[in-house]
Amino acid sequence: MANEGVSLELTLSCSSSSTSGKSGECCSSEEKEVSKRRHQDRNQAFKIAGMKVYSPSEEEEEKKLSTRLKLYEDSWTIKKVLTNSDVNGSSRLLLSTHVIEEQIIKRMRMEQMSLTEKIYSNEGARIRVLDYDTNMSEYELTLKRWPSTGSFVFVNNWKRDFQKRRGLKCDDEIGMLWDPFHSLLWFRVLHRGPYMTTAVQY
């Protein structure tokens, strides 16, 4: 009887140990699966958190930033080293016929053709101009053909909004780029000129 008791205890002990081991393996597998799902959920939460919801003003700033990056990579198709007549108070910026026709008029879309007609008229066409250097501040200039020479000029507020505001001087180089998708002209000061200074004699 004593031997049978020992045998029974050993059998129960082995059975219990075996069952416990399987249970442990099962729990370990389930824990790994839960941990994996939690890790995936956490990654997904981080991704969602990174998808910022922009307010209208933030969206506008984001668009401006995108445009700035694009312009930074693009070449400024219209470039001019300013002459004395551009900054001497004549209130106009003179550009050649070839430059305006090739870089602005020919790049206009079909729906912008009404602007072309005005450019060649005495009235001229009002053109929106964004200053790339000053947080894309917006201005307006009139582009028209100069009857006596056939060249083109930007008038109306050139002196106030560009020459004086940006402190433009003779030999400064400016750049412009026509944006056909927004019907506007981009403006930037590319280089400042080597201004002559008069030495003071003592």
N, C-alpha and C. Protein backbone atom coordinates (compact mmCIF):
# COMPACT_ATOMS: atom_id res chain seq x y z
N MET A 1 0.83 -1.21 0.00
CA MET A 1 0.00 0.00 0.00
C MET A 1 0.85 1.24 0.00
N ALA A 2 1.93 1.19 0.80
CA ALA A 2 2.82 2.36 0.85
C ALA A 2 3.42 2.62 -0.49
N ASN A 3 3.83 1.54 -1.20
CA ASN A 3 4.43 1.72 -2.53
C ASN A 3 3.43 2.29 -3.51
N GLU A 4 2.18 1.82 -3.38
CA GLU A 4 1.14 2.34 -4.27
C GLU A 4 0.93 3.82 -4.05
N GLY A 5 1.00 4.26 -2.77
CA GLY A 5 0.81 5.68 -2.45
C GLY A 5 1.89 6.52 -3.06
N VAL A 6 3.11 6.04 -2.97
CA VAL A 6 4.25 6.78 -3.55
C VAL A 6 4.12 6.85 -5.04
N SER A 7 3.74 5.71 -5.65
CA SER A 7 3.59 5.65 -7.10
C SER A 7 2.52 6.63 -7.57
N LEU A 8 1.41 6.70 -6.80
CA LEU A 8 0.32 7.59 -7.17
C LEU A 8 0.73 9.05 -7.07
N GLU A 9 1.50 9.37 -5.99
CA GLU A 9 1.97 10.76 -5.81
C GLU A 9 2.89 11.16 -6.94
N LEU A 10 3.78 10.20 -7.31
CA LEU A 10 4.72 10.49 -8.40
C LEU A 10 3.99 10.71 -9.71
N THR A 11 2.98 9.89 -9.94
CA THR A 11 2.20 10.01 -11.18
C THR A 11 1.49 11.34 -11.25
N LEU A 12 0.85 11.73 -10.12
CA LEU A 12 0.13 13.00 -10.07
C LEU A 12 1.08 14.17 -10.23
N SER A 13 2.25 14.02 -9.60
CA SER A 13 3.24 15.09 -9.67
C SER A 13 3.73 15.28 -11.08
N CYS A 14 4.02 14.20 -11.77
CA CYS A 14 4.49 14.27 -13.15
C CYS A 14 3.42 14.84 -14.06
N SER A 15 2.19 14.39 -13.85
CA SER A 15 1.07 14.87 -14.68
C SER A 15 0.87 16.36 -14.50
N SER A 16 0.93 16.80 -13.21
CA SER A 16 0.73 18.23 -12.91
C SER A 16 1.82 19.05 -13.53
N SER A 17 3.06 18.55 -13.44
CA SER A 17 4.21 19.27 -13.99
C SER A 17 4.10 19.38 -15.48
N SER A 18 3.66 18.30 -16.12
CA SER A 18 3.52 18.30 -17.58
C SER A 18 2.47 19.29 -18.02
N THR A 19 1.33 19.29 -17.30
CA THR A 19 0.24 20.21 -17.65
C THR A 19 0.66 21.64 -17.47
N SER A 20 1.38 21.91 -16.38
CA SER A 20 1.85 23.27 -16.08
C SER A 20 2.79 23.75 -17.17
N GLY A 21 3.65 22.87 -17.67
CA GLY A 21 4.59 23.26 -18.72
C GLY A 21 3.89 23.65 -19.99
N LYS A 22 2.89 22.87 -20.37
CA LYS A 22 2.14 23.19 -21.59
C LYS A 22 1.41 24.50 -21.44
N SER A 23 0.84 24.71 -20.24
CA SER A 23 0.11 25.95 -19.98
C SER A 23 1.04 27.14 -20.09
N GLY A 24 2.28 26.96 -19.55
CA GLY A 24 3.25 28.05 -19.60
C GLY A 24 3.62 28.38 -21.03
N GLU A 25 3.82 27.31 -21.83
CA GLU A 25 4.15 27.54 -23.24
C GLU A 25 3.02 28.27 -23.96
N CYS A 26 1.75 27.89 -23.64
CA CYS A 26 0.58 28.50 -24.26
C CYS A 26 0.49 29.98 -23.90
N CYS A 27 0.68 30.24 -22.58
CA CYS A 27 0.60 31.63 -22.12
C CYS A 27 1.68 32.47 -22.76
N SER A 28 2.89 31.87 -22.87
CA SER A 28 4.00 32.61 -23.46
C SER A 28 3.70 32.98 -24.90
N SER A 29 3.09 32.07 -25.65
CA SER A 29 2.74 32.33 -27.04
C SER A 29 1.68 33.43 -27.15
N GLU A 30 0.67 33.37 -26.27
CA GLU A 30 -0.38 34.38 -26.28
C GLU A 30 0.17 35.75 -25.92
N GLU A 31 1.07 35.77 -24.93
CA GLU A 31 1.67 37.03 -24.52
C GLU A 31 2.47 37.67 -25.67
N LYS A 32 3.18 36.83 -26.38
CA LYS A 32 3.95 37.33 -27.53
C LYS A 32 3.03 37.93 -28.59
N GLU A 33 1.91 37.26 -28.82
CA GLU A 33 0.95 37.74 -29.82
C GLU A 33 0.34 39.07 -29.39
N VAL A 34 -0.02 39.17 -28.10
CA VAL A 34 -0.59 40.41 -27.57
C VAL A 34 0.44 41.54 -27.66
N SER A 35 1.69 41.22 -27.29
CA SER A 35 2.76 42.21 -27.34
C SER A 35 2.98 42.70 -28.78
N LYS A 36 2.90 41.76 -29.73
CA LYS A 36 3.08 42.11 -31.13
C LYS A 36 1.99 43.05 -31.60
N ARG A 37 0.72 42.73 -31.20
CA ARG A 37 -0.41 43.58 -31.60
C ARG A 37 -0.29 44.97 -30.99
N ARG A 38 0.14 45.01 -29.72
CA ARG A 38 0.31 46.30 -29.06
C ARG A 38 1.37 47.15 -29.76
N HIS A 39 2.45 46.48 -30.16
CA HIS A 39 3.53 47.18 -30.87
C HIS A 39 3.02 47.75 -32.20
N GLN A 40 2.23 46.95 -32.92
CA GLN A 40 1.67 47.40 -34.19
C GLN A 40 0.71 48.57 -33.98
N ASP A 41 -0.12 48.46 -32.93
CA ASP A 41 -1.06 49.55 -32.62
C ASP A 41 -0.32 50.83 -32.26
N ARG A 42 0.78 50.67 -31.51
CA ARG A 42 1.56 51.83 -31.11
C ARG A 42 2.17 52.53 -32.33
N ASN A 43 2.70 51.72 -33.25
CA ASN A 43 3.27 52.29 -34.48
C ASN A 43 2.21 53.02 -35.29
N GLN A 44 1.02 52.43 -35.35
CA GLN A 44 -0.07 53.05 -36.09
C GLN A 44 -0.48 54.36 -35.44
N ALA A 45 -0.48 54.38 -34.11
CA ALA A 45 -0.84 55.60 -33.38
C ALA A 45 0.15 56.71 -33.66
N PHE A 46 1.45 56.34 -33.73
CA PHE A 46 2.48 57.34 -34.02
C PHE A 46 2.29 57.91 -35.43
N LYS A 47 1.92 57.02 -36.36
CA LYS A 47 1.70 57.47 -37.73
C LYS A 47 0.52 58.44 -37.81
N ILE A 48 -0.55 58.11 -37.11
CA ILE A 48 -1.74 58.98 -37.09
C ILE A 48 -1.41 60.32 -36.44
N ALA A 49 -0.63 60.25 -35.36
CA ALA A 49 -0.25 61.49 -34.67
C ALA A 49 0.57 62.39 -35.58
N GLY A 50 1.35 61.75 -36.48
CA GLY A 50 2.18 62.54 -37.39
C GLY A 50 1.39 63.17 -38.52
N MET A 51 0.16 62.72 -38.73
CA MET A 51 -0.69 63.29 -39.79
C MET A 51 -1.42 64.50 -39.23
N LYS A 52 -0.71 65.64 -39.24
CA LYS A 52 -1.24 66.85 -38.62
C LYS A 52 -2.43 67.39 -39.38
N VAL A 53 -3.42 67.85 -38.66
CA VAL A 53 -4.58 68.50 -39.27
C VAL A 53 -4.33 70.00 -39.26
N TYR A 54 -4.24 70.59 -40.46
CA TYR A 54 -3.90 72.00 -40.60
C TYR A 54 -5.13 72.89 -40.58
N SER A 55 -4.97 74.04 -39.98
CA SER A 55 -6.01 75.06 -40.05
C SER A 55 -5.87 75.75 -41.40
N PRO A 56 -6.87 76.52 -41.86
CA PRO A 56 -6.77 77.21 -43.15
C PRO A 56 -5.51 78.07 -43.26
N SER A 57 -5.15 78.78 -42.20
CA SER A 57 -3.96 79.64 -42.25
C SER A 57 -2.69 78.81 -42.34
N GLU A 58 -2.67 77.66 -41.65
CA GLU A 58 -1.50 76.78 -41.71
C GLU A 58 -1.37 76.14 -43.08
N GLU A 59 -2.50 75.82 -43.70
CA GLU A 59 -2.47 75.26 -45.05
C GLU A 59 -1.88 76.27 -46.03
N GLU A 60 -2.26 77.53 -45.86
CA GLU A 60 -1.75 78.59 -46.74
C GLU A 60 -0.24 78.73 -46.58
N GLU A 61 0.25 78.68 -45.34
CA GLU A 61 1.68 78.76 -45.09
C GLU A 61 2.41 77.57 -45.68
N GLU A 62 1.76 76.39 -45.60
CA GLU A 62 2.36 75.17 -46.15
C GLU A 62 2.49 75.29 -47.67
N LYS A 63 1.47 75.87 -48.32
CA LYS A 63 1.51 76.06 -49.77
C LYS A 63 2.62 77.03 -50.14
N LYS A 64 2.76 78.10 -49.33
CA LYS A 64 3.81 79.08 -49.59
C LYS A 64 5.19 78.44 -49.48
N LEU A 65 5.36 77.61 -48.45
CA LEU A 65 6.64 76.94 -48.26
C LEU A 65 6.95 76.04 -49.44
N SER A 66 5.93 75.29 -49.90
CA SER A 66 6.11 74.41 -51.04
C SER A 66 6.51 75.20 -52.28
N THR A 67 5.86 76.34 -52.47
CA THR A 67 6.17 77.18 -53.63
C THR A 67 7.58 77.73 -53.52
N ARG A 68 7.98 78.15 -52.32
CA ARG A 68 9.32 78.68 -52.11
C ARG A 68 10.39 77.64 -52.45
N LEU A 69 10.15 76.40 -52.04
CA LEU A 69 11.11 75.35 -52.33
C LEU A 69 11.21 75.10 -53.83
N LYS A 70 10.08 75.15 -54.50
CA LYS A 70 10.08 74.92 -55.95
C LYS A 70 10.80 76.05 -56.67
N LEU A 71 10.52 77.30 -56.26
CA LEU A 71 11.16 78.45 -56.88
C LEU A 71 12.66 78.44 -56.63
N TYR A 72 13.04 77.94 -55.45
CA TYR A 72 14.46 77.90 -55.12
C TYR A 72 15.21 77.02 -56.11
N GLU A 73 14.56 75.96 -56.58
CA GLU A 73 15.20 75.03 -57.49
C GLU A 73 15.12 75.52 -58.94
N ASP A 74 14.09 76.28 -59.26
CA ASP A 74 13.90 76.73 -60.64
C ASP A 74 14.78 77.93 -60.95
N SER A 75 15.09 78.11 -62.24
CA SER A 75 15.84 79.29 -62.65
C SER A 75 14.87 80.45 -62.84
N TRP A 76 15.34 81.66 -62.58
CA TRP A 76 14.54 82.86 -62.80
C TRP A 76 14.70 83.23 -64.26
N THR A 77 13.65 83.05 -65.03
CA THR A 77 13.76 83.17 -66.49
C THR A 77 13.90 84.61 -66.98
N ILE A 78 13.50 85.57 -66.15
CA ILE A 78 13.66 86.98 -66.52
C ILE A 78 14.66 87.60 -65.55
N LYS A 79 15.77 88.06 -66.08
CA LYS A 79 16.79 88.68 -65.24
C LYS A 79 17.19 90.03 -65.85
N LYS A 80 17.42 90.99 -64.95
CA LYS A 80 17.87 92.29 -65.44
C LYS A 80 18.75 92.97 -64.40
N VAL A 81 19.86 93.51 -64.89
CA VAL A 81 20.70 94.37 -64.06
C VAL A 81 20.13 95.77 -64.23
N LEU A 82 19.66 96.34 -63.15
CA LEU A 82 18.97 97.62 -63.23
C LEU A 82 19.88 98.74 -63.72
N THR A 83 19.31 99.58 -64.59
CA THR A 83 20.02 100.75 -65.09
C THR A 83 19.53 101.98 -64.35
N ASN A 84 20.18 103.09 -64.63
CA ASN A 84 19.81 104.32 -63.95
C ASN A 84 18.36 104.71 -64.22
N SER A 85 17.88 104.45 -65.45
CA SER A 85 16.51 104.83 -65.81
C SER A 85 15.46 104.03 -65.03
N ASP A 86 15.86 102.86 -64.51
CA ASP A 86 14.91 102.03 -63.74
C ASP A 86 14.76 102.52 -62.30
N VAL A 87 15.73 103.28 -61.82
CA VAL A 87 15.72 103.66 -60.40
C VAL A 87 15.89 105.16 -60.16
N ASN A 88 15.78 105.96 -61.23
CA ASN A 88 16.02 107.41 -61.08
C ASN A 88 14.75 108.21 -60.81
N GLY A 89 13.69 107.52 -60.45
CA GLY A 89 12.45 108.22 -60.16
C GLY A 89 11.48 108.28 -61.33
N SER A 90 11.79 107.59 -62.41
CA SER A 90 10.90 107.59 -63.58
C SER A 90 9.66 106.73 -63.36
N SER A 91 9.65 106.00 -62.29
CA SER A 91 8.49 105.17 -61.91
C SER A 91 8.15 104.10 -62.92
N ARG A 92 9.17 103.50 -63.52
CA ARG A 92 8.90 102.41 -64.45
C ARG A 92 10.12 101.52 -64.59
N LEU A 93 9.85 100.25 -64.87
CA LEU A 93 10.89 99.25 -65.11
C LEU A 93 10.81 98.86 -66.57
N LEU A 94 11.89 99.06 -67.31
CA LEU A 94 11.91 98.80 -68.74
C LEU A 94 12.46 97.40 -69.02
N LEU A 95 11.73 96.63 -69.86
CA LEU A 95 12.18 95.30 -70.25
C LEU A 95 12.04 95.15 -71.76
N SER A 96 12.91 94.35 -72.36
CA SER A 96 12.91 94.21 -73.82
C SER A 96 11.69 93.46 -74.33
N THR A 97 11.37 93.70 -75.59
CA THR A 97 10.24 93.02 -76.22
C THR A 97 10.42 91.51 -76.21
N HIS A 98 11.62 91.07 -76.54
CA HIS A 98 11.90 89.63 -76.62
C HIS A 98 11.67 88.95 -75.27
N VAL A 99 12.14 89.57 -74.21
CA VAL A 99 12.00 88.97 -72.88
C VAL A 99 10.53 88.81 -72.49
N ILE A 100 9.75 89.87 -72.65
CA ILE A 100 8.34 89.82 -72.25
C ILE A 100 7.54 88.84 -73.11
N GLU A 101 7.77 88.88 -74.40
CA GLU A 101 7.00 88.00 -75.30
C GLU A 101 7.36 86.53 -75.10
N GLU A 102 8.65 86.24 -74.88
CA GLU A 102 9.09 84.85 -74.73
C GLU A 102 8.81 84.29 -73.34
N GLN A 103 9.01 85.10 -72.32
CA GLN A 103 8.94 84.60 -70.96
C GLN A 103 7.62 84.84 -70.23
N ILE A 104 6.78 85.71 -70.78
CA ILE A 104 5.48 85.96 -70.13
C ILE A 104 4.33 85.67 -71.09
N ILE A 105 4.26 86.41 -72.19
CA ILE A 105 3.11 86.29 -73.09
C ILE A 105 2.97 84.88 -73.66
N LYS A 106 4.05 84.28 -74.13
CA LYS A 106 3.97 82.93 -74.71
C LYS A 106 3.72 81.86 -73.65
N ARG A 107 3.92 82.18 -72.41
CA ARG A 107 3.69 81.21 -71.34
C ARG A 107 2.31 81.33 -70.72
N MET A 108 1.53 82.28 -71.18
CA MET A 108 0.19 82.46 -70.65
C MET A 108 -0.73 81.35 -71.15
N ARG A 109 -1.64 80.94 -70.31
CA ARG A 109 -2.62 79.92 -70.68
C ARG A 109 -3.75 80.56 -71.49
N MET A 110 -4.59 79.72 -72.10
CA MET A 110 -5.65 80.22 -72.96
C MET A 110 -6.59 81.17 -72.23
N GLU A 111 -6.89 80.85 -70.96
CA GLU A 111 -7.82 81.69 -70.21
C GLU A 111 -7.20 83.03 -69.81
N GLN A 112 -5.91 83.18 -70.08
CA GLN A 112 -5.23 84.44 -69.75
C GLN A 112 -5.02 85.32 -70.97
N MET A 113 -5.61 84.95 -72.09
CA MET A 113 -5.40 85.69 -73.32
C MET A 113 -5.94 87.12 -73.25
N SER A 114 -6.92 87.34 -72.39
CA SER A 114 -7.45 88.70 -72.25
C SER A 114 -6.38 89.63 -71.69
N LEU A 115 -5.48 89.09 -70.88
CA LEU A 115 -4.36 89.88 -70.37
C LEU A 115 -3.44 90.29 -71.50
N THR A 116 -3.23 89.39 -72.44
CA THR A 116 -2.35 89.68 -73.58
C THR A 116 -2.86 90.88 -74.36
N GLU A 117 -4.15 90.91 -74.62
CA GLU A 117 -4.73 92.03 -75.37
C GLU A 117 -4.52 93.34 -74.63
N LYS A 118 -4.67 93.31 -73.32
CA LYS A 118 -4.50 94.53 -72.53
C LYS A 118 -3.04 94.99 -72.51
N ILE A 119 -2.12 94.00 -72.49
CA ILE A 119 -0.70 94.35 -72.47
C ILE A 119 -0.32 95.18 -73.69
N TYR A 120 -0.90 94.84 -74.84
CA TYR A 120 -0.57 95.56 -76.08
C TYR A 120 -1.39 96.83 -76.25
N SER A 121 -2.33 97.06 -75.36
CA SER A 121 -3.17 98.26 -75.47
C SER A 121 -2.55 99.41 -74.67
N ASN A 122 -3.11 100.59 -74.85
CA ASN A 122 -2.64 101.76 -74.09
C ASN A 122 -2.94 101.62 -72.60
N GLU A 123 -3.98 100.87 -72.30
CA GLU A 123 -4.39 100.68 -70.91
C GLU A 123 -3.39 99.85 -70.12
N GLY A 124 -2.89 98.78 -70.73
CA GLY A 124 -1.99 97.87 -70.04
C GLY A 124 -2.76 96.86 -69.21
N ALA A 125 -2.08 95.85 -68.70
CA ALA A 125 -2.72 94.80 -67.91
C ALA A 125 -2.19 94.83 -66.48
N ARG A 126 -3.11 94.73 -65.54
CA ARG A 126 -2.72 94.69 -64.13
C ARG A 126 -2.20 93.29 -63.81
N ILE A 127 -0.97 93.22 -63.30
CA ILE A 127 -0.32 91.95 -63.02
C ILE A 127 -0.02 91.83 -61.53
N ARG A 128 -0.45 90.73 -60.94
CA ARG A 128 -0.11 90.45 -59.54
C ARG A 128 1.36 90.07 -59.45
N VAL A 129 2.05 90.61 -58.46
CA VAL A 129 3.47 90.33 -58.28
C VAL A 129 3.71 89.92 -56.83
N LEU A 130 4.34 88.75 -56.64
CA LEU A 130 4.69 88.29 -55.30
C LEU A 130 6.19 88.42 -55.09
N ASP A 131 6.57 89.05 -53.98
CA ASP A 131 7.98 89.23 -53.66
C ASP A 131 8.48 88.01 -52.89
N TYR A 132 9.31 87.24 -53.52
CA TYR A 132 9.83 86.00 -52.93
C TYR A 132 10.63 86.27 -51.66
N ASP A 133 11.34 87.39 -51.64
CA ASP A 133 12.25 87.69 -50.53
C ASP A 133 11.56 88.17 -49.26
N THR A 134 10.38 88.75 -49.40
CA THR A 134 9.73 89.36 -48.24
C THR A 134 8.44 88.63 -47.89
N ASN A 135 8.60 87.35 -47.59
CA ASN A 135 7.49 86.51 -47.15
C ASN A 135 6.33 86.50 -48.15
N MET A 136 6.70 86.58 -49.42
CA MET A 136 5.71 86.51 -50.50
C MET A 136 4.65 87.60 -50.40
N SER A 137 5.05 88.78 -50.02
CA SER A 137 4.11 89.90 -49.97
C SER A 137 3.63 90.21 -51.39
N GLU A 138 2.36 90.58 -51.51
CA GLU A 138 1.74 90.74 -52.83
C GLU A 138 1.57 92.21 -53.21
N TYR A 139 1.85 92.49 -54.48
CA TYR A 139 1.72 93.85 -55.02
C TYR A 139 1.09 93.77 -56.40
N GLU A 140 0.93 94.89 -57.02
CA GLU A 140 0.33 94.92 -58.35
C GLU A 140 1.01 95.97 -59.22
N LEU A 141 1.39 95.55 -60.41
CA LEU A 141 2.00 96.46 -61.38
C LEU A 141 1.24 96.38 -62.69
N THR A 142 1.36 97.42 -63.49
CA THR A 142 0.73 97.43 -64.81
C THR A 142 1.80 97.17 -65.86
N LEU A 143 1.57 96.16 -66.68
CA LEU A 143 2.49 95.83 -67.77
C LEU A 143 1.90 96.33 -69.08
N LYS A 144 2.67 97.12 -69.80
CA LYS A 144 2.17 97.66 -71.07
C LYS A 144 3.32 97.86 -72.04
N ARG A 145 2.95 98.03 -73.29
CA ARG A 145 3.97 98.25 -74.32
C ARG A 145 4.25 99.74 -74.44
N TRP A 146 5.54 100.07 -74.55
CA TRP A 146 5.96 101.45 -74.71
C TRP A 146 5.88 101.80 -76.19
N PRO A 147 4.93 102.68 -76.58
CA PRO A 147 4.66 102.95 -78.01
C PRO A 147 5.88 103.44 -78.80
N SER A 148 6.69 104.27 -78.22
CA SER A 148 7.80 104.88 -78.97
C SER A 148 8.92 103.90 -79.29
N THR A 149 9.15 102.91 -78.43
CA THR A 149 10.27 101.98 -78.63
C THR A 149 9.84 100.55 -78.91
N GLY A 150 8.61 100.21 -78.56
CA GLY A 150 8.15 98.83 -78.74
C GLY A 150 8.54 97.94 -77.57
N SER A 151 9.31 98.47 -76.64
CA SER A 151 9.68 97.71 -75.45
C SER A 151 8.50 97.69 -74.47
N PHE A 152 8.66 96.95 -73.41
CA PHE A 152 7.59 96.85 -72.41
C PHE A 152 8.05 97.48 -71.10
N VAL A 153 7.09 98.00 -70.36
CA VAL A 153 7.40 98.62 -69.08
C VAL A 153 6.41 98.16 -68.01
N PHE A 154 6.91 98.09 -66.79
CA PHE A 154 6.06 97.91 -65.63
C PHE A 154 5.92 99.29 -64.98
N VAL A 155 4.68 99.75 -64.85
CA VAL A 155 4.43 101.07 -64.28
C VAL A 155 3.41 100.94 -63.14
N ASN A 156 3.04 102.09 -62.57
CA ASN A 156 2.07 102.14 -61.47
C ASN A 156 2.59 101.38 -60.24
N ASN A 157 3.20 102.11 -59.35
CA ASN A 157 3.69 101.58 -58.07
C ASN A 157 5.05 100.90 -58.14
N TRP A 158 5.69 100.90 -59.30
CA TRP A 158 7.05 100.33 -59.37
C TRP A 158 7.99 101.07 -58.41
N LYS A 159 7.92 102.39 -58.44
CA LYS A 159 8.82 103.19 -57.61
C LYS A 159 8.54 102.96 -56.12
N ARG A 160 7.27 103.01 -55.73
CA ARG A 160 6.92 102.90 -54.30
C ARG A 160 7.10 101.48 -53.77
N ASP A 161 6.52 100.49 -54.48
CA ASP A 161 6.46 99.13 -53.95
C ASP A 161 7.72 98.30 -54.20
N PHE A 162 8.56 98.74 -55.13
CA PHE A 162 9.75 97.95 -55.42
C PHE A 162 11.05 98.75 -55.28
N GLN A 163 11.16 99.84 -56.04
CA GLN A 163 12.40 100.61 -55.97
C GLN A 163 12.69 101.11 -54.55
N LYS A 164 11.72 101.81 -53.96
CA LYS A 164 11.94 102.37 -52.63
C LYS A 164 11.83 101.32 -51.52
N ARG A 165 10.82 100.49 -51.59
CA ARG A 165 10.60 99.50 -50.54
C ARG A 165 11.77 98.55 -50.42
N ARG A 166 12.34 98.12 -51.56
CA ARG A 166 13.45 97.18 -51.54
C ARG A 166 14.81 97.89 -51.61
N GLY A 167 14.78 99.22 -51.69
CA GLY A 167 16.04 99.96 -51.74
C GLY A 167 16.86 99.63 -52.97
N LEU A 168 16.20 99.49 -54.12
CA LEU A 168 16.89 99.10 -55.35
C LEU A 168 17.74 100.25 -55.89
N LYS A 169 18.91 99.86 -56.40
CA LYS A 169 19.83 100.84 -56.96
C LYS A 169 20.37 100.35 -58.29
N CYS A 170 21.00 101.26 -58.99
CA CYS A 170 21.62 100.92 -60.27
C CYS A 170 22.63 99.79 -60.06
N ASP A 171 22.63 98.83 -60.95
CA ASP A 171 23.52 97.65 -60.94
C ASP A 171 23.02 96.51 -60.06
N ASP A 172 21.90 96.68 -59.36
CA ASP A 172 21.28 95.55 -58.68
C ASP A 172 20.71 94.61 -59.75
N GLU A 173 20.78 93.32 -59.51
CA GLU A 173 20.18 92.37 -60.46
C GLU A 173 18.91 91.79 -59.86
N ILE A 174 17.83 91.88 -60.63
CA ILE A 174 16.55 91.33 -60.19
C ILE A 174 16.18 90.14 -61.07
N GLY A 175 15.34 89.28 -60.53
CA GLY A 175 14.85 88.14 -61.29
C GLY A 175 13.35 88.07 -61.21
N MET A 176 12.72 87.58 -62.27
CA MET A 176 11.27 87.41 -62.29
C MET A 176 10.92 86.11 -62.98
N LEU A 177 9.77 85.58 -62.64
CA LEU A 177 9.32 84.31 -63.21
C LEU A 177 7.80 84.33 -63.32
N TRP A 178 7.29 84.09 -64.52
CA TRP A 178 5.85 84.06 -64.72
C TRP A 178 5.29 82.71 -64.28
N ASP A 179 4.24 82.77 -63.47
CA ASP A 179 3.55 81.57 -62.98
C ASP A 179 2.21 81.46 -63.71
N PRO A 180 2.13 80.63 -64.74
CA PRO A 180 0.89 80.53 -65.54
C PRO A 180 -0.27 79.90 -64.79
N PHE A 181 0.01 79.12 -63.76
CA PHE A 181 -1.05 78.43 -63.03
C PHE A 181 -1.79 79.35 -62.06
N HIS A 182 -1.11 80.42 -61.62
CA HIS A 182 -1.74 81.36 -60.70
C HIS A 182 -1.87 82.76 -61.29
N SER A 183 -1.49 82.90 -62.55
CA SER A 183 -1.58 84.19 -63.26
C SER A 183 -0.89 85.31 -62.49
N LEU A 184 0.35 85.08 -62.13
CA LEU A 184 1.09 86.10 -61.38
C LEU A 184 2.58 86.01 -61.71
N LEU A 185 3.28 87.05 -61.30
CA LEU A 185 4.72 87.15 -61.54
C LEU A 185 5.46 87.10 -60.20
N TRP A 186 6.49 86.27 -60.15
CA TRP A 186 7.34 86.20 -58.97
C TRP A 186 8.51 87.16 -59.14
N PHE A 187 8.90 87.80 -58.05
CA PHE A 187 9.98 88.80 -58.09
C PHE A 187 11.01 88.46 -57.02
N ARG A 188 12.27 88.71 -57.35
CA ARG A 188 13.33 88.50 -56.36
C ARG A 188 14.54 89.36 -56.70
N VAL A 189 15.23 89.83 -55.66
CA VAL A 189 16.51 90.52 -55.86
C VAL A 189 17.59 89.44 -55.84
N LEU A 190 18.25 89.25 -56.97
CA LEU A 190 19.25 88.19 -57.09
C LEU A 190 20.61 88.59 -56.55
N HIS A 191 21.02 89.81 -56.89
CA HIS A 191 22.33 90.28 -56.44
C HIS A 191 22.28 91.79 -56.23
N ARG A 192 23.03 92.23 -55.26
CA ARG A 192 23.20 93.67 -55.05
C ARG A 192 24.44 94.12 -55.81
N GLY A 193 24.35 95.31 -56.41
CA GLY A 193 25.44 95.81 -57.23
C GLY A 193 26.64 96.29 -56.42
N PRO A 194 27.79 96.39 -57.09
CA PRO A 194 29.00 96.91 -56.45
C PRO A 194 28.94 98.43 -56.41
N TYR A 195 28.24 98.96 -55.43
CA TYR A 195 28.00 100.39 -55.38
C TYR A 195 29.30 101.17 -55.21
N MET A 196 29.39 102.27 -55.94
CA MET A 196 30.55 103.13 -55.86
C MET A 196 30.43 104.03 -54.65
N THR A 197 31.49 104.14 -53.89
CA THR A 197 31.49 105.02 -52.73
C THR A 197 32.55 106.09 -52.91
N THR A 198 32.24 107.28 -52.49
CA THR A 198 33.18 108.38 -52.62
C THR A 198 34.01 108.51 -51.35
N ALA A 199 35.32 108.42 -51.51
CA ALA A 199 36.21 108.49 -50.35
C ALA A 199 36.25 109.91 -49.82
N VAL A 200 36.25 110.05 -48.53
CA VAL A 200 36.31 111.37 -47.90
C VAL A 200 37.76 111.78 -47.75
N GLN A 201 38.12 112.94 -48.31
CA GLN A 201 39.48 113.43 -48.24
C GLN A 201 39.65 114.37 -47.05
N TYR A 202 40.69 114.17 -46.32
CA TYR A 202 40.97 115.03 -45.17
C TYR A 202 42.26 115.81 -45.43
